[in-house]
Amino acid sequence: MAKPFRFGIQLANPAPGLTWADTARRAEDAGIDTLFMPDHFEDQLAPIPALATAAAATTDLKVGALVLGNDYRHPVVLAKELATIDVLSGGRMEIGIGAGWMRTDYEQAGIDYDRPGERIERLTEAVEVIRGCMGPEPFSFEGVHYQVTSYDGRPKPIQDRPDLLIGGGGRRMLGVAARLADIVGVTANLRAGEIGPDAVANSVAASFDEKLGWVREAAGDRFDQLELSSLTLDLQVTNDRDAVLAGMAELFGIDVDAAAEVPMLLVGTIEQICETLEARRERWGFSYPVLQGTDFEVLGQIVSRLGGR
């Protein structure tokens, strides 16, 4: 059975002409459920303080990252920061985390860009550490990458178990997400360390059919409990959908019909966009779309039509 829609927005900086606090309030007023932030070393606000500020400026808006790069912070430190936001926000924190993928982040910061398998192993351990920190009792952990001894993480989050979102695009990463997360964010495979030809080729609908098969297989009996999410990189409201899709088709090297099905694109009138989101929920289970852009009037129209349905 399809889960009701809820909506996220991913923002790296304030909307033009607005403060960050006002941007968060506009997102909340538009009916957005969660404000997400990316986590890179390029031109963006630092996610931890920015998410805390967004939560302080709003009443009901959830906050989270899409997604925090695990290699950039020790999980004990990260758990304390996230639990603090959860406490200060009255229980509105979602934990979004991934293995780290953007090669330039690692190169610019002087962090070793280990093979994908090692980064995924480290993430798996980090998730266990974060959950241990947020658990009710002191805990110890002895892993390959992290060791924790009799640590009682405080503050404890208000939520007994904040929702965990793990994003990924490859089979191994999606398997980890399916087994450990509450929310699975499905993306293109970013193993190349950049959004280039490989990622573009892996963004077509057939690739996502395969990805959802991996998630279902790895999740087993817990699949129906998962919330499935997708990030929209390009949202264009237009009365000339075919013309826009023709340009996208040329970029992706596919035909127009195939471009219309690319999960990271949303193009058309408000009605067409809502129909597309419903079709994608039917096909892939994506009930938690994350949109980009700061046209809050447009976003509000989409959310008002589909949110909670």
C-alpha atoms as a PDB file:
ATOM      1  CA  MET A   1       0.000   0.000   0.000  1.00  0.00           C
ATOM      2  CA  ALA A   2       1.378   3.418  -0.962  1.00  0.00           C
ATOM      3  CA  LYS A   3       2.475   5.682   1.869  1.00  0.00           C
ATOM      4  CA  PRO A   4       1.050   9.218   2.045  1.00  0.00           C
ATOM      5  CA  PHE A   5       3.139  11.932   0.462  1.00  0.00           C
ATOM      6  CA  ARG A   6       5.320  14.187   2.503  1.00  0.00           C
ATOM      7  CA  PHE A   7       7.759  16.663   1.034  1.00  0.00           C
ATOM      8  CA  GLY A   8      11.279  17.830   1.692  1.00  0.00           C
ATOM      9  CA  ILE A   9      13.223  20.722   0.247  1.00  0.00           C
ATOM     10  CA  GLN A  10      16.998  20.784  -0.136  1.00  0.00           C
ATOM     11  CA  LEU A  11      18.646  24.181   0.254  1.00  0.00           C
ATOM     12  CA  ALA A  12      22.306  25.087   0.599  1.00  0.00           C
ATOM     13  CA  ASN A  13      21.902  28.820   1.170  1.00  0.00           C
ATOM     14  CA  PRO A  14      19.136  31.351   1.872  1.00  0.00           C
ATOM     15  CA  ALA A  15      16.626  32.149  -0.831  1.00  0.00           C
ATOM     16  CA  PRO A  16      17.465  35.346  -2.753  1.00  0.00           C
ATOM     17  CA  GLY A  17      16.540  38.412  -0.721  1.00  0.00           C
ATOM     18  CA  LEU A  18      15.762  36.433   2.432  1.00  0.00           C
ATOM     19  CA  THR A  19      17.659  35.559   5.573  1.00  0.00           C
ATOM     20  CA  TRP A  20      18.199  31.897   6.346  1.00  0.00           C
ATOM     21  CA  ALA A  21      15.620  32.064   9.153  1.00  0.00           C
ATOM     22  CA  ASP A  22      13.069  33.671   6.827  1.00  0.00           C
ATOM     23  CA  THR A  23      13.812  31.031   4.188  1.00  0.00           C
ATOM     24  CA  ALA A  24      13.035  28.279   6.693  1.00  0.00           C
ATOM     25  CA  ARG A  25       9.796  30.011   7.671  1.00  0.00           C
ATOM     26  CA  ARG A  26       8.767  30.344   4.027  1.00  0.00           C
ATOM     27  CA  ALA A  27       9.387  26.622   3.525  1.00  0.00           C
ATOM     28  CA  GLU A  28       7.241  25.834   6.550  1.00  0.00           C
ATOM     29  CA  ASP A  29       4.484  28.178   5.373  1.00  0.00           C
ATOM     30  CA  ALA A  30       4.497  26.390   2.009  1.00  0.00           C
ATOM     31  CA  GLY A  31       3.673  23.144   3.795  1.00  0.00           C
ATOM     32  CA  ILE A  32       7.103  21.560   3.345  1.00  0.00           C
ATOM     33  CA  ASP A  33       7.655  18.838   5.933  1.00  0.00           C
ATOM     34  CA  THR A  34      11.461  18.811   6.103  1.00  0.00           C
ATOM     35  CA  LEU A  35      14.258  21.208   5.243  1.00  0.00           C
ATOM     36  CA  PHE A  36      17.333  19.298   4.126  1.00  0.00           C
ATOM     37  CA  MET A  37      20.844  20.550   3.473  1.00  0.00           C
ATOM     38  CA  PRO A  38      23.690  19.045   1.442  1.00  0.00           C
ATOM     39  CA  ASP A  39      27.082  18.587   3.074  1.00  0.00           C
ATOM     40  CA  HIS A  40      29.973  19.719   0.907  1.00  0.00           C
ATOM     41  CA  PHE A  41      32.961  22.032   1.222  1.00  0.00           C
ATOM     42  CA  GLU A  42      31.783  24.273  -1.606  1.00  0.00           C
ATOM     43  CA  ASP A  43      29.725  27.475  -1.328  1.00  0.00           C
ATOM     44  CA  GLN A  44      27.058  26.513   1.180  1.00  0.00           C
ATOM     45  CA  LEU A  45      26.183  27.099   4.813  1.00  0.00           C
ATOM     46  CA  ALA A  46      27.602  24.601   7.284  1.00  0.00           C
ATOM     47  CA  PRO A  47      24.757  22.151   7.865  1.00  0.00           C
ATOM     48  CA  ILE A  48      24.854  21.619  11.623  1.00  0.00           C
ATOM     49  CA  PRO A  49      24.523  25.270  12.755  1.00  0.00           C
ATOM     50  CA  ALA A  50      22.262  26.106   9.807  1.00  0.00           C
ATOM     51  CA  LEU A  51      19.866  23.275  10.615  1.00  0.00           C
ATOM     52  CA  ALA A  52      19.764  24.353  14.251  1.00  0.00           C
ATOM     53  CA  THR A  53      18.969  27.906  13.162  1.00  0.00           C
ATOM     54  CA  ALA A  54      16.228  26.721  10.799  1.00  0.00           C
ATOM     55  CA  ALA A  55      14.666  24.681  13.579  1.00  0.00           C
ATOM     56  CA  ALA A  56      14.810  27.627  15.984  1.00  0.00           C
ATOM     57  CA  ALA A  57      13.060  29.855  13.431  1.00  0.00           C
ATOM     58  CA  THR A  58      10.140  27.458  12.865  1.00  0.00           C
ATOM     59  CA  THR A  59       7.536  25.515  14.793  1.00  0.00           C
ATOM     60  CA  ASP A  60       6.770  22.298  12.941  1.00  0.00           C
ATOM     61  CA  LEU A  61       9.410  22.048  10.206  1.00  0.00           C
ATOM     62  CA  LYS A  62      11.658  19.013  10.491  1.00  0.00           C
ATOM     63  CA  VAL A  63      15.334  19.456   9.663  1.00  0.00           C
ATOM     64  CA  GLY A  64      17.996  17.114   8.360  1.00  0.00           C
ATOM     65  CA  ALA A  65      20.872  16.651   5.967  1.00  0.00           C
ATOM     66  CA  LEU A  66      20.750  15.031   2.559  1.00  0.00           C
ATOM     67  CA  VAL A  67      23.185  13.727   3.466  1.00  0.00           C
ATOM     68  CA  LEU A  68      25.998  14.231   5.959  1.00  0.00           C
ATOM     69  CA  GLY A  69      29.314  12.865   4.716  1.00  0.00           C
ATOM     70  CA  ASN A  70      30.323  10.323   7.327  1.00  0.00           C
ATOM     71  CA  ASP A  71      34.045  10.850   6.852  1.00  0.00           C
ATOM     72  CA  TYR A  72      33.845  14.529   7.772  1.00  0.00           C
ATOM     73  CA  ARG A  73      32.934  14.017  11.448  1.00  0.00           C
ATOM     74  CA  HIS A  74      33.526  11.415  14.135  1.00  0.00           C
ATOM     75  CA  PRO A  75      30.189   9.678  14.831  1.00  0.00           C
ATOM     76  CA  VAL A  76      30.359  10.363  18.590  1.00  0.00           C
ATOM     77  CA  VAL A  77      30.690  14.089  17.910  1.00  0.00           C
ATOM     78  CA  LEU A  78      27.998  13.971  15.251  1.00  0.00           C
ATOM     79  CA  ALA A  79      25.586  12.067  17.486  1.00  0.00           C
ATOM     80  CA  LYS A  80      25.937  14.709  20.209  1.00  0.00           C
ATOM     81  CA  GLU A  81      25.307  17.534  17.741  1.00  0.00           C
ATOM     82  CA  LEU A  82      22.265  15.859  16.208  1.00  0.00           C
ATOM     83  CA  ALA A  83      20.802  14.919  19.575  1.00  0.00           C
ATOM     84  CA  THR A  84      21.253  18.524  20.689  1.00  0.00           C
ATOM     85  CA  ILE A  85      19.312  19.780  17.657  1.00  0.00           C
ATOM     86  CA  ASP A  86      16.585  17.244  18.397  1.00  0.00           C
ATOM     87  CA  VAL A  87      16.323  18.483  21.993  1.00  0.00           C
ATOM     88  CA  LEU A  88      16.363  22.170  21.088  1.00  0.00           C
ATOM     89  CA  SER A  89      13.827  21.694  18.294  1.00  0.00           C
ATOM     90  CA  GLY A  90      11.394  19.663  20.370  1.00  0.00           C
ATOM     91  CA  GLY A  91      12.030  16.442  18.423  1.00  0.00           C
ATOM     92  CA  ARG A  92      12.260  17.612  14.803  1.00  0.00           C
ATOM     93  CA  MET A  93      15.582  16.117  13.708  1.00  0.00           C
ATOM     94  CA  GLU A  94      15.960  13.549  10.927  1.00  0.00           C
ATOM     95  CA  ILE A  95      19.370  11.918  10.618  1.00  0.00           C
ATOM     96  CA  GLY A  96      20.554  11.836   7.030  1.00  0.00           C
ATOM     97  CA  ILE A  97      23.946  10.253   6.434  1.00  0.00           C
ATOM     98  CA  GLY A  98      25.955   8.713   3.617  1.00  0.00           C
ATOM     99  CA  ALA A  99      29.406   7.287   2.964  1.00  0.00           C
ATOM    100  CA  GLY A 100      30.738  10.433   1.270  1.00  0.00           C
ATOM    101  CA  TRP A 101      31.167  10.570  -2.486  1.00  0.00           C
ATOM    102  CA  MET A 102      32.367  13.897  -3.897  1.00  0.00           C
ATOM    103  CA  ARG A 103      36.021  13.498  -4.722  1.00  0.00           C
ATOM    104  CA  THR A 104      36.765  17.257  -4.592  1.00  0.00           C
ATOM    105  CA  ASP A 105      35.592  17.438  -0.961  1.00  0.00           C
ATOM    106  CA  TYR A 106      38.225  14.901   0.010  1.00  0.00           C
ATOM    107  CA  GLU A 107      40.961  16.401  -2.132  1.00  0.00           C
ATOM    108  CA  GLN A 108      40.425  19.966  -0.942  1.00  0.00           C
ATOM    109  CA  ALA A 109      40.223  18.948   2.716  1.00  0.00           C
ATOM    110  CA  GLY A 110      43.141  16.532   2.584  1.00  0.00           C
ATOM    111  CA  ILE A 111      40.975  13.567   3.609  1.00  0.00           C
ATOM    112  CA  ASP A 112      41.918  10.180   2.185  1.00  0.00           C
ATOM    113  CA  TYR A 113      39.494   9.183  -0.569  1.00  0.00           C
ATOM    114  CA  ASP A 114      39.334   5.488   0.252  1.00  0.00           C
ATOM    115  CA  ARG A 115      37.768   2.899  -2.014  1.00  0.00           C
ATOM    116  CA  PRO A 116      33.941   2.864  -1.916  1.00  0.00           C
ATOM    117  CA  GLY A 117      33.793  -0.402   0.003  1.00  0.00           C
ATOM    118  CA  GLU A 118      35.915   0.971   2.839  1.00  0.00           C
ATOM    119  CA  ARG A 119      33.856   4.152   3.062  1.00  0.00           C
ATOM    120  CA  ILE A 120      30.691   2.063   3.208  1.00  0.00           C
ATOM    121  CA  GLU A 121      32.169  -0.168   5.929  1.00  0.00           C
ATOM    122  CA  ARG A 122      33.030   2.939   7.924  1.00  0.00           C
ATOM    123  CA  LEU A 123      29.500   4.295   7.482  1.00  0.00           C
ATOM    124  CA  THR A 124      27.975   1.038   8.686  1.00  0.00           C
ATOM    125  CA  GLU A 125      30.032   1.219  11.866  1.00  0.00           C
ATOM    126  CA  ALA A 126      29.206   4.904  12.297  1.00  0.00           C
ATOM    127  CA  VAL A 127      25.465   4.202  12.191  1.00  0.00           C
ATOM    128  CA  GLU A 128      25.863   1.689  14.997  1.00  0.00           C
ATOM    129  CA  VAL A 129      27.883   4.201  17.008  1.00  0.00           C
ATOM    130  CA  ILE A 130      25.353   7.005  16.492  1.00  0.00           C
ATOM    131  CA  ARG A 131      22.481   4.796  17.541  1.00  0.00           C
ATOM    132  CA  GLY A 132      24.469   3.612  20.532  1.00  0.00           C
ATOM    133  CA  CYS A 133      25.143   7.203  21.578  1.00  0.00           C
ATOM    134  CA  MET A 134      21.444   7.980  21.391  1.00  0.00           C
ATOM    135  CA  GLY A 135      20.380   4.842  23.207  1.00  0.00           C
ATOM    136  CA  PRO A 136      19.237   4.801  26.825  1.00  0.00           C
ATOM    137  CA  GLU A 137      22.316   3.137  28.342  1.00  0.00           C
ATOM    138  CA  PRO A 138      26.107   3.576  28.224  1.00  0.00           C
ATOM    139  CA  PHE A 139      27.617   1.478  25.468  1.00  0.00           C
ATOM    140  CA  SER A 140      30.900   0.228  24.092  1.00  0.00           C
ATOM    141  CA  PHE A 141      31.802  -0.513  20.499  1.00  0.00           C
ATOM    142  CA  GLU A 142      34.848  -2.202  19.022  1.00  0.00           C
ATOM    143  CA  GLY A 143      35.029  -1.908  15.261  1.00  0.00           C
ATOM    144  CA  VAL A 144      37.698  -1.689  12.608  1.00  0.00           C
ATOM    145  CA  HIS A 145      37.263   2.075  12.247  1.00  0.00           C
ATOM    146  CA  TYR A 146      35.737   3.242  15.551  1.00  0.00           C
ATOM    147  CA  GLN A 147      36.177   2.278  19.186  1.00  0.00           C
ATOM    148  CA  VAL A 148      33.920   3.552  21.953  1.00  0.00           C
ATOM    149  CA  THR A 149      34.306   2.646  25.610  1.00  0.00           C
ATOM    150  CA  SER A 150      31.524   2.873  28.216  1.00  0.00           C
ATOM    151  CA  TYR A 151      30.134   6.044  26.697  1.00  0.00           C
ATOM    152  CA  ASP A 152      26.781   7.445  27.747  1.00  0.00           C
ATOM    153  CA  GLY A 153      25.929   9.965  25.040  1.00  0.00           C
ATOM    154  CA  ARG A 154      24.138  13.051  26.301  1.00  0.00           C
ATOM    155  CA  PRO A 155      21.901  14.818  25.706  1.00  0.00           C
ATOM    156  CA  LYS A 156      19.547  12.068  24.642  1.00  0.00           C
ATOM    157  CA  PRO A 157      17.252  13.012  21.756  1.00  0.00           C
ATOM    158  CA  ILE A 158      13.624  13.712  22.561  1.00  0.00           C
ATOM    159  CA  GLN A 159      12.578  11.190  19.940  1.00  0.00           C
ATOM    160  CA  ASP A 160      13.151   7.665  21.183  1.00  0.00           C
ATOM    161  CA  ARG A 161      14.701   6.801  17.845  1.00  0.00           C
ATOM    162  CA  PRO A 162      15.053   9.638  15.331  1.00  0.00           C
ATOM    163  CA  ASP A 163      14.366   8.536  11.774  1.00  0.00           C
ATOM    164  CA  LEU A 164      17.518   7.591   9.919  1.00  0.00           C
ATOM    165  CA  LEU A 165      17.835   8.383   6.206  1.00  0.00           C
ATOM    166  CA  ILE A 166      20.626   6.764   4.217  1.00  0.00           C
ATOM    167  CA  GLY A 167      21.104   7.699   0.583  1.00  0.00           C
ATOM    168  CA  GLY A 168      22.814   5.731  -2.140  1.00  0.00           C
ATOM    169  CA  GLY A 169      22.815   4.657  -5.758  1.00  0.00           C
ATOM    170  CA  GLY A 170      24.896   1.494  -5.939  1.00  0.00           C
ATOM    171  CA  ARG A 171      23.839  -2.024  -4.974  1.00  0.00           C
ATOM    172  CA  ARG A 172      26.018  -2.267  -1.884  1.00  0.00           C
ATOM    173  CA  MET A 173      25.092   1.167  -0.556  1.00  0.00           C
ATOM    174  CA  LEU A 174      21.384   0.632  -1.160  1.00  0.00           C
ATOM    175  CA  GLY A 175      21.656  -2.713   0.591  1.00  0.00           C
ATOM    176  CA  VAL A 176      23.062  -1.013   3.691  1.00  0.00           C
ATOM    177  CA  ALA A 177      20.282   1.571   3.536  1.00  0.00           C
ATOM    178  CA  ALA A 178      17.613  -1.116   3.142  1.00  0.00           C
ATOM    179  CA  ARG A 179      18.873  -3.021   6.182  1.00  0.00           C
ATOM    180  CA  LEU A 180      19.628  -0.119   8.529  1.00  0.00           C
ATOM    181  CA  ALA A 181      17.625   2.961   7.590  1.00  0.00           C
ATOM    182  CA  ASP A 182      14.059   4.074   8.141  1.00  0.00           C
ATOM    183  CA  ILE A 183      14.150   6.182   4.971  1.00  0.00           C
ATOM    184  CA  VAL A 184      16.021   5.114   1.841  1.00  0.00           C
ATOM    185  CA  GLY A 185      17.103   7.906  -0.486  1.00  0.00           C
ATOM    186  CA  VAL A 186      17.629   6.491  -3.970  1.00  0.00           C
ATOM    187  CA  THR A 187      20.037   8.346  -6.247  1.00  0.00           C
ATOM    188  CA  ALA A 188      22.197   7.800  -9.287  1.00  0.00           C
ATOM    189  CA  ASN A 189      25.366   5.823  -8.660  1.00  0.00           C
ATOM    190  CA  LEU A 190      28.068   8.369  -7.789  1.00  0.00           C
ATOM    191  CA  ARG A 191      31.005   5.973  -7.614  1.00  0.00           C
ATOM    192  CA  ALA A 192      32.959   8.191 -10.029  1.00  0.00           C
ATOM    193  CA  GLY A 193      33.108  10.901  -7.375  1.00  0.00           C
ATOM    194  CA  GLU A 194      31.398  13.479  -9.563  1.00  0.00           C
ATOM    195  CA  ILE A 195      28.152  14.143 -11.387  1.00  0.00           C
ATOM    196  CA  GLY A 196      29.397  13.236 -14.830  1.00  0.00           C
ATOM    197  CA  PRO A 197      28.506  10.905 -17.719  1.00  0.00           C
ATOM    198  CA  ASP A 198      28.355   7.794 -15.503  1.00  0.00           C
ATOM    199  CA  ALA A 199      25.884   9.400 -13.096  1.00  0.00           C
ATOM    200  CA  VAL A 200      23.775  10.751 -15.953  1.00  0.00           C
ATOM    201  CA  ALA A 201      23.612   7.329 -17.613  1.00  0.00           C
ATOM    202  CA  ASN A 202      22.583   5.798 -14.287  1.00  0.00           C
ATOM    203  CA  SER A 203      19.697   8.250 -13.826  1.00  0.00           C
ATOM    204  CA  VAL A 204      17.243   6.752 -16.312  1.00  0.00           C
ATOM    205  CA  ALA A 205      14.096   4.970 -15.227  1.00  0.00           C
ATOM    206  CA  ALA A 206      15.361   1.474 -16.008  1.00  0.00           C
ATOM    207  CA  SER A 207      18.281   2.017 -13.619  1.00  0.00           C
ATOM    208  CA  PHE A 208      15.856   2.985 -10.874  1.00  0.00           C
ATOM    209  CA  ASP A 209      13.757  -0.119 -11.538  1.00  0.00           C
ATOM    210  CA  GLU A 210      16.898  -2.134 -10.840  1.00  0.00           C
ATOM    211  CA  LYS A 211      17.785  -0.075  -7.751  1.00  0.00           C
ATOM    212  CA  LEU A 212      14.366  -0.597  -6.174  1.00  0.00           C
ATOM    213  CA  GLY A 213      14.762  -4.313  -6.811  1.00  0.00           C
ATOM    214  CA  TRP A 214      18.014  -4.240  -4.835  1.00  0.00           C
ATOM    215  CA  VAL A 215      16.337  -2.375  -1.998  1.00  0.00           C
ATOM    216  CA  ARG A 216      13.445  -4.821  -1.861  1.00  0.00           C
ATOM    217  CA  GLU A 217      15.789  -7.814  -1.897  1.00  0.00           C
ATOM    218  CA  ALA A 218      18.046  -6.446   0.851  1.00  0.00           C
ATOM    219  CA  ALA A 219      15.193  -5.221   3.046  1.00  0.00           C
ATOM    220  CA  GLY A 220      13.304  -8.504   3.037  1.00  0.00           C
ATOM    221  CA  ASP A 221      10.422  -8.470   5.490  1.00  0.00           C
ATOM    222  CA  ARG A 222      11.070  -4.867   6.504  1.00  0.00           C
ATOM    223  CA  PHE A 223      10.572  -3.442   3.002  1.00  0.00           C
ATOM    224  CA  ASP A 224       6.995  -2.330   3.650  1.00  0.00           C
ATOM    225  CA  GLN A 225       8.187  -0.375   6.697  1.00  0.00           C
ATOM    226  CA  LEU A 226      10.630   1.702   4.660  1.00  0.00           C
ATOM    227  CA  GLU A 227       9.885   5.190   3.443  1.00  0.00           C
ATOM    228  CA  LEU A 228      11.360   5.769  -0.012  1.00  0.00           C
ATOM    229  CA  SER A 229      12.701   9.134  -1.071  1.00  0.00           C
ATOM    230  CA  SER A 230      14.083  10.711  -4.219  1.00  0.00           C
ATOM    231  CA  LEU A 231      15.835  14.022  -4.826  1.00  0.00           C
ATOM    232  CA  THR A 232      14.625  16.229  -7.660  1.00  0.00           C
ATOM    233  CA  LEU A 233      17.553  18.148  -9.103  1.00  0.00           C
ATOM    234  CA  ASP A 234      15.557  20.125 -11.672  1.00  0.00           C
ATOM    235  CA  LEU A 235      11.976  21.353 -11.145  1.00  0.00           C
ATOM    236  CA  GLN A 236      10.566  23.417 -13.996  1.00  0.00           C
ATOM    237  CA  VAL A 237       6.985  24.637 -14.150  1.00  0.00           C
ATOM    238  CA  THR A 238       6.097  25.284 -17.776  1.00  0.00           C
ATOM    239  CA  ASN A 239       3.210  25.115 -20.215  1.00  0.00           C
ATOM    240  CA  ASP A 240       5.574  23.757 -22.880  1.00  0.00           C
ATOM    241  CA  ARG A 241       6.657  20.520 -21.281  1.00  0.00           C
ATOM    242  CA  ASP A 242       7.676  18.855 -24.522  1.00  0.00           C
ATOM    243  CA  ALA A 243      10.109  21.615 -25.448  1.00  0.00           C
ATOM    244  CA  VAL A 244      11.855  21.456 -22.078  1.00  0.00           C
ATOM    245  CA  LEU A 245      11.984  17.665 -22.162  1.00  0.00           C
ATOM    246  CA  ALA A 246      13.464  17.751 -25.642  1.00  0.00           C
ATOM    247  CA  GLY A 247      16.427  19.678 -24.270  1.00  0.00           C
ATOM    248  CA  MET A 248      16.750  17.277 -21.356  1.00  0.00           C
ATOM    249  CA  ALA A 249      16.578  14.308 -23.723  1.00  0.00           C
ATOM    250  CA  GLU A 250      19.489  15.676 -25.712  1.00  0.00           C
ATOM    251  CA  LEU A 251      21.504  16.156 -22.516  1.00  0.00           C
ATOM    252  CA  PHE A 252      20.853  12.590 -21.359  1.00  0.00           C
ATOM    253  CA  GLY A 253      21.176  11.064 -24.822  1.00  0.00           C
ATOM    254  CA  ILE A 254      17.691   9.530 -24.650  1.00  0.00           C
ATOM    255  CA  ASP A 255      14.317  10.156 -26.268  1.00  0.00           C
ATOM    256  CA  VAL A 256      11.732  12.584 -24.917  1.00  0.00           C
ATOM    257  CA  ASP A 257       9.504   9.892 -23.396  1.00  0.00           C
ATOM    258  CA  ALA A 258      12.466   8.463 -21.489  1.00  0.00           C
ATOM    259  CA  ALA A 259      13.485  11.947 -20.303  1.00  0.00           C
ATOM    260  CA  ALA A 260      10.005  12.423 -18.840  1.00  0.00           C
ATOM    261  CA  GLU A 261      10.613   9.371 -16.640  1.00  0.00           C
ATOM    262  CA  VAL A 262      14.007  10.419 -15.247  1.00  0.00           C
ATOM    263  CA  PRO A 263      13.334  10.545 -11.481  1.00  0.00           C
ATOM    264  CA  MET A 264      15.539  13.574 -10.874  1.00  0.00           C
ATOM    265  CA  LEU A 265      13.524  15.748 -13.290  1.00  0.00           C
ATOM    266  CA  LEU A 266      10.086  17.290 -12.772  1.00  0.00           C
ATOM    267  CA  VAL A 267       8.773  19.276 -15.719  1.00  0.00           C
ATOM    268  CA  GLY A 268       5.345  20.556 -16.716  1.00  0.00           C
ATOM    269  CA  THR A 269       2.356  22.360 -15.345  1.00  0.00           C
ATOM    270  CA  ILE A 270       1.522  21.971 -11.667  1.00  0.00           C
ATOM    271  CA  GLU A 271      -1.073  19.382 -12.623  1.00  0.00           C
ATOM    272  CA  GLN A 272       1.403  17.441 -14.776  1.00  0.00           C
ATOM    273  CA  ILE A 273       4.045  17.544 -12.050  1.00  0.00           C
ATOM    274  CA  CYS A 274       1.575  16.188  -9.494  1.00  0.00           C
ATOM    275  CA  GLU A 275       0.538  13.426 -11.890  1.00  0.00           C
ATOM    276  CA  THR A 276       4.208  12.569 -12.418  1.00  0.00           C
ATOM    277  CA  LEU A 277       4.848  12.348  -8.676  1.00  0.00           C
ATOM    278  CA  GLU A 278       1.854  10.058  -8.255  1.00  0.00           C
ATOM    279  CA  ALA A 279       3.073   7.854 -11.108  1.00  0.00           C
ATOM    280  CA  ARG A 280       6.533   7.615  -9.540  1.00  0.00           C
ATOM    281  CA  ARG A 281       5.042   6.650  -6.199  1.00  0.00           C
ATOM    282  CA  GLU A 282       3.086   3.924  -7.973  1.00  0.00           C
ATOM    283  CA  ARG A 283       6.153   2.661  -9.866  1.00  0.00           C
ATOM    284  CA  TRP A 284       8.921   3.051  -7.290  1.00  0.00           C
ATOM    285  CA  GLY A 285       7.240   3.865  -3.973  1.00  0.00           C
ATOM    286  CA  PHE A 286       8.668   7.401  -3.764  1.00  0.00           C
ATOM    287  CA  SER A 287       6.338   8.956  -1.202  1.00  0.00           C
ATOM    288  CA  TYR A 288       8.950  11.383   0.154  1.00  0.00           C
ATOM    289  CA  PRO A 289      10.097  13.590  -2.746  1.00  0.00           C
ATOM    290  CA  VAL A 290      12.752  16.163  -1.961  1.00  0.00           C
ATOM    291  CA  LEU A 291      12.477  19.222  -4.178  1.00  0.00           C
ATOM    292  CA  GLN A 292      14.894  22.035  -4.958  1.00  0.00           C
ATOM    293  CA  GLY A 293      14.213  25.682  -5.699  1.00  0.00           C
ATOM    294  CA  THR A 294      12.917  28.693  -3.804  1.00  0.00           C
ATOM    295  CA  ASP A 295       9.678  29.477  -5.622  1.00  0.00           C
ATOM    296  CA  PHE A 296       7.637  28.819  -2.510  1.00  0.00           C
ATOM    297  CA  GLU A 297       4.375  29.642  -4.267  1.00  0.00           C
ATOM    298  CA  VAL A 298       4.964  26.807  -6.731  1.00  0.00           C
ATOM    299  CA  LEU A 299       6.158  24.442  -4.026  1.00  0.00           C
ATOM    300  CA  GLY A 300       3.125  25.286  -1.925  1.00  0.00           C
ATOM    301  CA  GLN A 301       0.784  24.431  -4.787  1.00  0.00           C
ATOM    302  CA  ILE A 302       2.386  21.013  -5.231  1.00  0.00           C
ATOM    303  CA  VAL A 303       2.341  20.269  -1.525  1.00  0.00           C
ATOM    304  CA  SER A 304      -1.251  21.445  -1.061  1.00  0.00           C
ATOM    305  CA  ARG A 305      -2.408  19.062  -3.796  1.00  0.00           C
ATOM    306  CA  LEU A 306      -0.513  15.975  -2.669  1.00  0.00           C
ATOM    307  CA  GLY A 307       0.741  16.384   0.913  1.00  0.00           C
ATOM    308  CA  GLY A 308      -0.697  13.757   3.251  1.00  0.00           C
ATOM    309  CA  ARG A 309      -2.539  11.963   0.443  1.00  0.00           C
END
